[in-house]
Amino acid sequence: MIDIIAGLKGHGKTKVLLQKVNDDIKLTHGTIVYLDKNSKHMYELSNQIRLIVVPEFNISNTDMFIGFIAGILSQDHDLDKIYLDSFLTIAAIEDNVEPVINRLKAMSEQFDVDFIISASCEKSAFPESIQQYVSMDL
């Protein structure tokens, strides 16, 4: 499953994402990983959630990002959900988000992992094929 929380910068996407991940950890039997652009929210996350600060791994393009996600998936067979905060930044997306979302969708189906994404743009800015995944537009 792909779940996108969309909205312009400063509209509360991260707050929603943090609440959602902390609620989800109480209900899941697997593990949850939270990817972010910095460690600013480290103390707002449950200690059961693994925080990964993506820029520490020098991801410079979307292919590297997808490989990074594949590496995370290969290391944890109990992984239930991956939360992606500041998605457009950490995934190094410069213009077209569609191929990256499509690859994440394929990985989600193959490995039975949900991706919950916050993206700093309005729902209407996404291609029509991606808008179906937007559950919240702030």
N, C-alpha and C. Protein backbone atom coordinates (compact mmCIF):
# COMPACT_ATOMS: atom_id res chain seq x y z
N MET A 1 0.83 -1.17 0.00
CA MET A 1 0.00 0.00 0.00
C MET A 1 0.88 1.25 0.00
N ILE A 2 0.45 2.21 -0.76
CA ILE A 2 1.07 3.52 -0.78
C ILE A 2 0.05 4.50 -0.22
N ASP A 3 0.46 5.30 0.76
CA ASP A 3 -0.41 6.29 1.38
C ASP A 3 0.37 7.61 1.41
N ILE A 4 -0.16 8.61 0.71
CA ILE A 4 0.53 9.90 0.62
C ILE A 4 -0.23 10.96 1.41
N ILE A 5 0.51 11.68 2.24
CA ILE A 5 -0.01 12.84 2.93
C ILE A 5 0.60 14.04 2.22
N ALA A 6 -0.23 14.80 1.53
CA ALA A 6 0.24 15.90 0.70
C ALA A 6 -0.09 17.24 1.35
N GLY A 7 0.64 18.25 0.97
CA GLY A 7 0.38 19.60 1.45
C GLY A 7 1.62 20.45 1.33
N LEU A 8 1.42 21.73 1.29
CA LEU A 8 2.55 22.64 1.17
C LEU A 8 3.35 22.65 2.46
N LYS A 9 4.59 23.12 2.36
CA LYS A 9 5.49 23.21 3.50
C LYS A 9 4.84 24.02 4.63
N GLY A 10 4.93 23.49 5.85
CA GLY A 10 4.39 24.19 7.00
C GLY A 10 2.92 23.92 7.29
N HIS A 11 2.31 22.98 6.59
CA HIS A 11 0.89 22.70 6.78
C HIS A 11 0.61 21.55 7.75
N GLY A 12 1.63 21.00 8.40
CA GLY A 12 1.42 20.00 9.44
C GLY A 12 1.53 18.55 9.02
N LYS A 13 2.15 18.28 7.89
CA LYS A 13 2.28 16.90 7.42
C LYS A 13 3.11 16.05 8.38
N THR A 14 4.23 16.59 8.85
CA THR A 14 5.11 15.82 9.73
C THR A 14 4.41 15.51 11.04
N LYS A 15 3.65 16.43 11.56
CA LYS A 15 2.91 16.19 12.80
C LYS A 15 1.93 15.03 12.62
N VAL A 16 1.23 15.02 11.51
CA VAL A 16 0.30 13.92 11.20
C VAL A 16 1.06 12.61 11.06
N LEU A 17 2.18 12.65 10.36
CA LEU A 17 2.99 11.45 10.13
C LEU A 17 3.51 10.88 11.46
N LEU A 18 4.00 11.75 12.33
CA LEU A 18 4.51 11.31 13.64
C LEU A 18 3.41 10.68 14.49
N GLN A 19 2.24 11.29 14.49
CA GLN A 19 1.11 10.73 15.24
C GLN A 19 0.74 9.35 14.69
N LYS A 20 0.70 9.26 13.38
CA LYS A 20 0.33 8.00 12.72
C LYS A 20 1.35 6.89 13.02
N VAL A 21 2.65 7.19 12.94
CA VAL A 21 3.67 6.16 13.18
C VAL A 21 3.65 5.73 14.64
N ASN A 22 3.48 6.65 15.55
CA ASN A 22 3.45 6.29 16.97
C ASN A 22 2.19 5.50 17.33
N ASP A 23 1.10 5.75 16.63
CA ASP A 23 -0.11 4.94 16.83
C ASP A 23 0.07 3.55 16.23
N ASP A 24 0.70 3.49 15.04
CA ASP A 24 0.88 2.21 14.35
C ASP A 24 1.79 1.25 15.11
N ILE A 25 2.80 1.75 15.79
CA ILE A 25 3.74 0.86 16.48
C ILE A 25 3.03 0.09 17.59
N LYS A 26 1.95 0.63 18.12
CA LYS A 26 1.18 -0.04 19.17
C LYS A 26 0.36 -1.20 18.62
N LEU A 27 0.08 -1.16 17.32
CA LEU A 27 -0.81 -2.14 16.70
C LEU A 27 -0.10 -3.21 15.87
N THR A 28 1.14 -2.96 15.50
CA THR A 28 1.82 -3.87 14.58
C THR A 28 2.58 -4.96 15.33
N HIS A 29 2.73 -6.08 14.68
CA HIS A 29 3.55 -7.17 15.23
C HIS A 29 4.92 -7.20 14.57
N GLY A 30 5.08 -6.40 13.52
CA GLY A 30 6.35 -6.33 12.81
C GLY A 30 7.12 -5.09 13.22
N THR A 31 8.03 -4.68 12.35
CA THR A 31 8.84 -3.50 12.63
C THR A 31 8.44 -2.34 11.72
N ILE A 32 8.79 -1.15 12.18
CA ILE A 32 8.51 0.06 11.43
C ILE A 32 9.80 0.87 11.34
N VAL A 33 10.04 1.42 10.14
CA VAL A 33 11.21 2.26 9.90
C VAL A 33 10.70 3.64 9.50
N TYR A 34 11.36 4.68 10.00
CA TYR A 34 11.00 6.06 9.70
C TYR A 34 12.20 6.73 9.05
N LEU A 35 12.06 7.14 7.80
CA LEU A 35 13.14 7.81 7.08
C LEU A 35 12.87 9.31 7.06
N ASP A 36 13.91 10.09 7.37
CA ASP A 36 13.75 11.54 7.43
C ASP A 36 15.01 12.21 6.90
N LYS A 37 14.93 13.52 6.70
CA LYS A 37 16.08 14.27 6.20
C LYS A 37 17.01 14.72 7.31
N ASN A 38 16.58 14.60 8.58
CA ASN A 38 17.43 14.94 9.72
C ASN A 38 16.90 14.22 10.97
N SER A 39 17.59 14.39 12.08
CA SER A 39 17.19 13.69 13.32
C SER A 39 16.36 14.57 14.23
N LYS A 40 15.84 15.65 13.72
CA LYS A 40 15.08 16.63 14.50
C LYS A 40 13.92 16.01 15.29
N HIS A 41 13.29 15.00 14.74
CA HIS A 41 12.10 14.42 15.38
C HIS A 41 12.41 13.13 16.14
N MET A 42 13.67 12.86 16.38
CA MET A 42 14.09 11.62 17.03
C MET A 42 13.35 11.38 18.35
N TYR A 43 13.20 12.40 19.16
CA TYR A 43 12.60 12.22 20.48
C TYR A 43 11.07 12.22 20.45
N GLU A 44 10.50 12.47 19.29
CA GLU A 44 9.05 12.41 19.14
C GLU A 44 8.60 11.02 18.68
N LEU A 45 9.56 10.18 18.30
CA LEU A 45 9.26 8.83 17.85
C LEU A 45 9.37 7.84 19.00
N SER A 46 8.52 6.85 19.01
CA SER A 46 8.65 5.75 19.97
C SER A 46 10.02 5.11 19.80
N ASN A 47 10.59 4.63 20.90
CA ASN A 47 11.91 3.99 20.82
C ASN A 47 11.86 2.65 20.10
N GLN A 48 10.69 2.17 19.75
CA GLN A 48 10.55 0.92 19.00
C GLN A 48 10.63 1.15 17.49
N ILE A 49 10.68 2.42 17.08
CA ILE A 49 10.72 2.76 15.67
C ILE A 49 12.16 3.11 15.29
N ARG A 50 12.62 2.52 14.22
CA ARG A 50 14.00 2.81 13.77
C ARG A 50 14.00 4.05 12.89
N LEU A 51 14.75 5.05 13.31
CA LEU A 51 14.91 6.28 12.54
C LEU A 51 16.16 6.16 11.67
N ILE A 52 16.00 6.47 10.39
CA ILE A 52 17.13 6.50 9.48
C ILE A 52 17.19 7.91 8.88
N VAL A 53 18.33 8.58 9.06
CA VAL A 53 18.55 9.90 8.51
C VAL A 53 19.20 9.70 7.14
N VAL A 54 18.40 9.82 6.10
CA VAL A 54 18.81 9.46 4.74
C VAL A 54 20.02 10.24 4.23
N PRO A 55 20.13 11.56 4.44
CA PRO A 55 21.30 12.27 3.90
C PRO A 55 22.65 11.74 4.41
N GLU A 56 22.66 11.04 5.52
CA GLU A 56 23.91 10.45 6.02
C GLU A 56 24.45 9.39 5.06
N PHE A 57 23.61 8.92 4.14
CA PHE A 57 24.00 7.86 3.21
C PHE A 57 24.26 8.39 1.80
N ASN A 58 24.32 9.71 1.66
CA ASN A 58 24.69 10.36 0.39
C ASN A 58 23.86 9.90 -0.81
N ILE A 59 22.56 9.85 -0.64
CA ILE A 59 21.65 9.51 -1.74
C ILE A 59 21.56 10.72 -2.67
N SER A 60 21.96 10.56 -3.92
CA SER A 60 21.99 11.72 -4.83
C SER A 60 21.04 11.61 -6.02
N ASN A 61 20.38 10.46 -6.18
CA ASN A 61 19.40 10.35 -7.27
C ASN A 61 18.36 9.29 -6.90
N THR A 62 17.32 9.22 -7.69
CA THR A 62 16.21 8.32 -7.34
C THR A 62 16.59 6.84 -7.45
N ASP A 63 17.49 6.50 -8.36
CA ASP A 63 17.92 5.10 -8.44
C ASP A 63 18.64 4.67 -7.17
N MET A 64 19.49 5.56 -6.66
CA MET A 64 20.17 5.27 -5.39
C MET A 64 19.15 5.13 -4.26
N PHE A 65 18.13 5.97 -4.27
CA PHE A 65 17.10 5.92 -3.23
C PHE A 65 16.36 4.59 -3.28
N ILE A 66 15.96 4.16 -4.46
CA ILE A 66 15.25 2.88 -4.60
C ILE A 66 16.15 1.73 -4.16
N GLY A 67 17.43 1.78 -4.49
CA GLY A 67 18.38 0.76 -4.03
C GLY A 67 18.51 0.77 -2.51
N PHE A 68 18.49 1.95 -1.93
CA PHE A 68 18.55 2.10 -0.48
C PHE A 68 17.33 1.44 0.18
N ILE A 69 16.16 1.69 -0.38
CA ILE A 69 14.93 1.07 0.13
C ILE A 69 15.01 -0.45 -0.01
N ALA A 70 15.51 -0.93 -1.14
CA ALA A 70 15.66 -2.37 -1.35
C ALA A 70 16.60 -2.96 -0.30
N GLY A 71 17.65 -2.26 0.04
CA GLY A 71 18.57 -2.72 1.08
C GLY A 71 17.88 -2.82 2.44
N ILE A 72 17.05 -1.84 2.76
CA ILE A 72 16.30 -1.89 4.03
C ILE A 72 15.37 -3.10 4.03
N LEU A 73 14.69 -3.31 2.92
CA LEU A 73 13.76 -4.45 2.82
C LEU A 73 14.49 -5.78 2.94
N SER A 74 15.69 -5.86 2.40
CA SER A 74 16.43 -7.12 2.43
C SER A 74 16.95 -7.47 3.82
N GLN A 75 17.07 -6.48 4.68
CA GLN A 75 17.63 -6.70 6.01
C GLN A 75 16.61 -7.04 7.08
N ASP A 76 15.33 -6.83 6.81
CA ASP A 76 14.32 -7.00 7.84
C ASP A 76 13.08 -7.67 7.24
N HIS A 77 12.94 -8.96 7.46
CA HIS A 77 11.81 -9.70 6.89
C HIS A 77 10.53 -9.52 7.70
N ASP A 78 10.61 -8.86 8.85
CA ASP A 78 9.43 -8.57 9.67
C ASP A 78 8.93 -7.14 9.46
N LEU A 79 9.45 -6.45 8.48
CA LEU A 79 9.12 -5.06 8.23
C LEU A 79 7.67 -4.94 7.77
N ASP A 80 6.90 -4.11 8.49
CA ASP A 80 5.50 -3.87 8.13
C ASP A 80 5.32 -2.57 7.37
N LYS A 81 5.98 -1.51 7.86
CA LYS A 81 5.75 -0.19 7.27
C LYS A 81 7.04 0.61 7.22
N ILE A 82 7.13 1.42 6.17
CA ILE A 82 8.21 2.38 6.05
C ILE A 82 7.57 3.75 5.90
N TYR A 83 7.90 4.63 6.83
CA TYR A 83 7.42 6.01 6.79
C TYR A 83 8.50 6.86 6.14
N LEU A 84 8.08 7.70 5.21
CA LEU A 84 9.01 8.55 4.46
C LEU A 84 8.61 10.01 4.65
N ASP A 85 9.31 10.72 5.53
CA ASP A 85 9.05 12.14 5.74
C ASP A 85 9.93 12.94 4.80
N SER A 86 9.42 14.07 4.35
CA SER A 86 10.16 14.92 3.39
C SER A 86 10.54 14.10 2.16
N PHE A 87 9.57 13.37 1.65
CA PHE A 87 9.80 12.39 0.58
C PHE A 87 10.52 12.96 -0.64
N LEU A 88 10.07 14.09 -1.14
CA LEU A 88 10.67 14.63 -2.36
C LEU A 88 12.15 14.95 -2.16
N THR A 89 12.52 15.33 -0.95
CA THR A 89 13.92 15.63 -0.64
C THR A 89 14.74 14.36 -0.47
N ILE A 90 14.28 13.44 0.38
CA ILE A 90 15.09 12.25 0.66
C ILE A 90 15.19 11.31 -0.53
N ALA A 91 14.18 11.34 -1.40
CA ALA A 91 14.21 10.48 -2.59
C ALA A 91 14.92 11.14 -3.77
N ALA A 92 15.43 12.35 -3.57
CA ALA A 92 16.15 13.10 -4.61
C ALA A 92 15.32 13.26 -5.88
N ILE A 93 14.03 13.57 -5.69
CA ILE A 93 13.13 13.75 -6.83
C ILE A 93 13.21 15.19 -7.30
N GLU A 94 13.58 15.37 -8.55
CA GLU A 94 13.72 16.71 -9.09
C GLU A 94 12.50 17.15 -9.90
N ASP A 95 11.87 16.21 -10.61
CA ASP A 95 10.74 16.63 -11.42
C ASP A 95 9.58 15.64 -11.44
N ASN A 96 9.82 14.40 -11.77
CA ASN A 96 8.72 13.45 -11.97
C ASN A 96 8.67 12.40 -10.85
N VAL A 97 7.65 12.49 -10.03
CA VAL A 97 7.49 11.60 -8.89
C VAL A 97 6.91 10.24 -9.30
N GLU A 98 6.25 10.18 -10.42
CA GLU A 98 5.52 8.98 -10.85
C GLU A 98 6.36 7.71 -10.92
N PRO A 99 7.55 7.72 -11.56
CA PRO A 99 8.33 6.48 -11.63
C PRO A 99 8.75 5.97 -10.24
N VAL A 100 9.05 6.88 -9.34
CA VAL A 100 9.48 6.47 -7.99
C VAL A 100 8.31 5.85 -7.23
N ILE A 101 7.15 6.48 -7.30
CA ILE A 101 5.96 5.93 -6.63
C ILE A 101 5.61 4.57 -7.23
N ASN A 102 5.70 4.44 -8.53
CA ASN A 102 5.40 3.15 -9.18
C ASN A 102 6.36 2.05 -8.72
N ARG A 103 7.64 2.40 -8.54
CA ARG A 103 8.61 1.41 -8.07
C ARG A 103 8.34 1.04 -6.61
N LEU A 104 7.99 2.04 -5.80
CA LEU A 104 7.63 1.75 -4.40
C LEU A 104 6.38 0.88 -4.33
N LYS A 105 5.42 1.14 -5.20
CA LYS A 105 4.19 0.34 -5.25
C LYS A 105 4.52 -1.12 -5.57
N ALA A 106 5.40 -1.34 -6.52
CA ALA A 106 5.81 -2.71 -6.88
C ALA A 106 6.51 -3.38 -5.71
N MET A 107 7.38 -2.65 -5.01
CA MET A 107 8.08 -3.21 -3.85
C MET A 107 7.08 -3.50 -2.72
N SER A 108 6.11 -2.63 -2.56
CA SER A 108 5.09 -2.82 -1.54
C SER A 108 4.34 -4.13 -1.76
N GLU A 109 3.98 -4.37 -2.99
CA GLU A 109 3.24 -5.59 -3.33
C GLU A 109 4.12 -6.83 -3.21
N GLN A 110 5.35 -6.73 -3.67
CA GLN A 110 6.26 -7.88 -3.64
C GLN A 110 6.63 -8.29 -2.22
N PHE A 111 6.88 -7.31 -1.35
CA PHE A 111 7.39 -7.60 -0.01
C PHE A 111 6.37 -7.37 1.10
N ASP A 112 5.14 -7.06 0.73
CA ASP A 112 4.04 -6.85 1.69
C ASP A 112 4.42 -5.81 2.75
N VAL A 113 4.88 -4.66 2.27
CA VAL A 113 5.28 -3.54 3.13
C VAL A 113 4.50 -2.31 2.69
N ASP A 114 4.00 -1.56 3.67
CA ASP A 114 3.28 -0.33 3.38
C ASP A 114 4.25 0.85 3.41
N PHE A 115 4.06 1.78 2.50
CA PHE A 115 4.83 3.02 2.46
C PHE A 115 3.89 4.18 2.77
N ILE A 116 4.18 4.91 3.83
CA ILE A 116 3.41 6.08 4.20
C ILE A 116 4.32 7.28 3.97
N ILE A 117 3.89 8.19 3.13
CA ILE A 117 4.74 9.24 2.58
C ILE A 117 4.18 10.62 2.88
N SER A 118 5.05 11.54 3.29
CA SER A 118 4.65 12.95 3.33
C SER A 118 5.40 13.67 2.21
N ALA A 119 4.66 14.45 1.44
CA ALA A 119 5.25 15.15 0.31
C ALA A 119 4.80 16.61 0.31
N SER A 120 5.75 17.50 0.15
CA SER A 120 5.47 18.94 0.18
C SER A 120 4.99 19.44 -1.18
N CYS A 121 3.77 19.07 -1.51
CA CYS A 121 3.09 19.62 -2.67
C CYS A 121 1.61 19.28 -2.54
N GLU A 122 0.80 20.01 -3.22
CA GLU A 122 -0.64 19.77 -3.15
C GLU A 122 -1.01 18.55 -3.99
N LYS A 123 -2.12 17.94 -3.65
CA LYS A 123 -2.60 16.76 -4.38
C LYS A 123 -2.72 17.05 -5.88
N SER A 124 -3.20 18.22 -6.22
CA SER A 124 -3.41 18.56 -7.63
C SER A 124 -2.10 18.64 -8.42
N ALA A 125 -0.96 18.77 -7.73
CA ALA A 125 0.33 18.85 -8.42
C ALA A 125 0.85 17.47 -8.82
N PHE A 126 0.29 16.42 -8.23
CA PHE A 126 0.70 15.06 -8.58
C PHE A 126 0.07 14.65 -9.90
N PRO A 127 0.74 13.77 -10.65
CA PRO A 127 0.10 13.21 -11.85
C PRO A 127 -1.20 12.50 -11.45
N GLU A 128 -2.14 12.46 -12.33
CA GLU A 128 -3.45 11.87 -12.04
C GLU A 128 -3.33 10.43 -11.55
N SER A 129 -2.39 9.68 -12.09
CA SER A 129 -2.22 8.28 -11.69
C SER A 129 -1.73 8.14 -10.25
N ILE A 130 -1.13 9.17 -9.70
CA ILE A 130 -0.61 9.14 -8.33
C ILE A 130 -1.62 9.71 -7.34
N GLN A 131 -2.52 10.55 -7.79
CA GLN A 131 -3.49 11.19 -6.90
C GLN A 131 -4.35 10.19 -6.13
N GLN A 132 -4.54 9.00 -6.68
CA GLN A 132 -5.34 7.98 -6.00
C GLN A 132 -4.73 7.54 -4.67
N TYR A 133 -3.42 7.74 -4.50
CA TYR A 133 -2.72 7.34 -3.28
C TYR A 133 -2.74 8.41 -2.19
N VAL A 134 -3.20 9.61 -2.52
CA VAL A 134 -3.23 10.70 -1.56
C VAL A 134 -4.45 10.55 -0.65
N SER A 135 -4.17 10.26 0.62
CA SER A 135 -5.26 10.07 1.58
C SER A 135 -5.58 11.35 2.33
N MET A 136 -4.62 12.28 2.34
CA MET A 136 -4.82 13.53 3.08
C MET A 136 -4.11 14.66 2.33
N ASP A 137 -4.84 15.74 2.10
CA ASP A 137 -4.28 16.92 1.44
C ASP A 137 -4.44 18.10 2.38
N LEU A 138 -3.34 18.47 3.02
CA LEU A 138 -3.40 19.54 4.02
C LEU A 138 -3.14 20.90 3.40
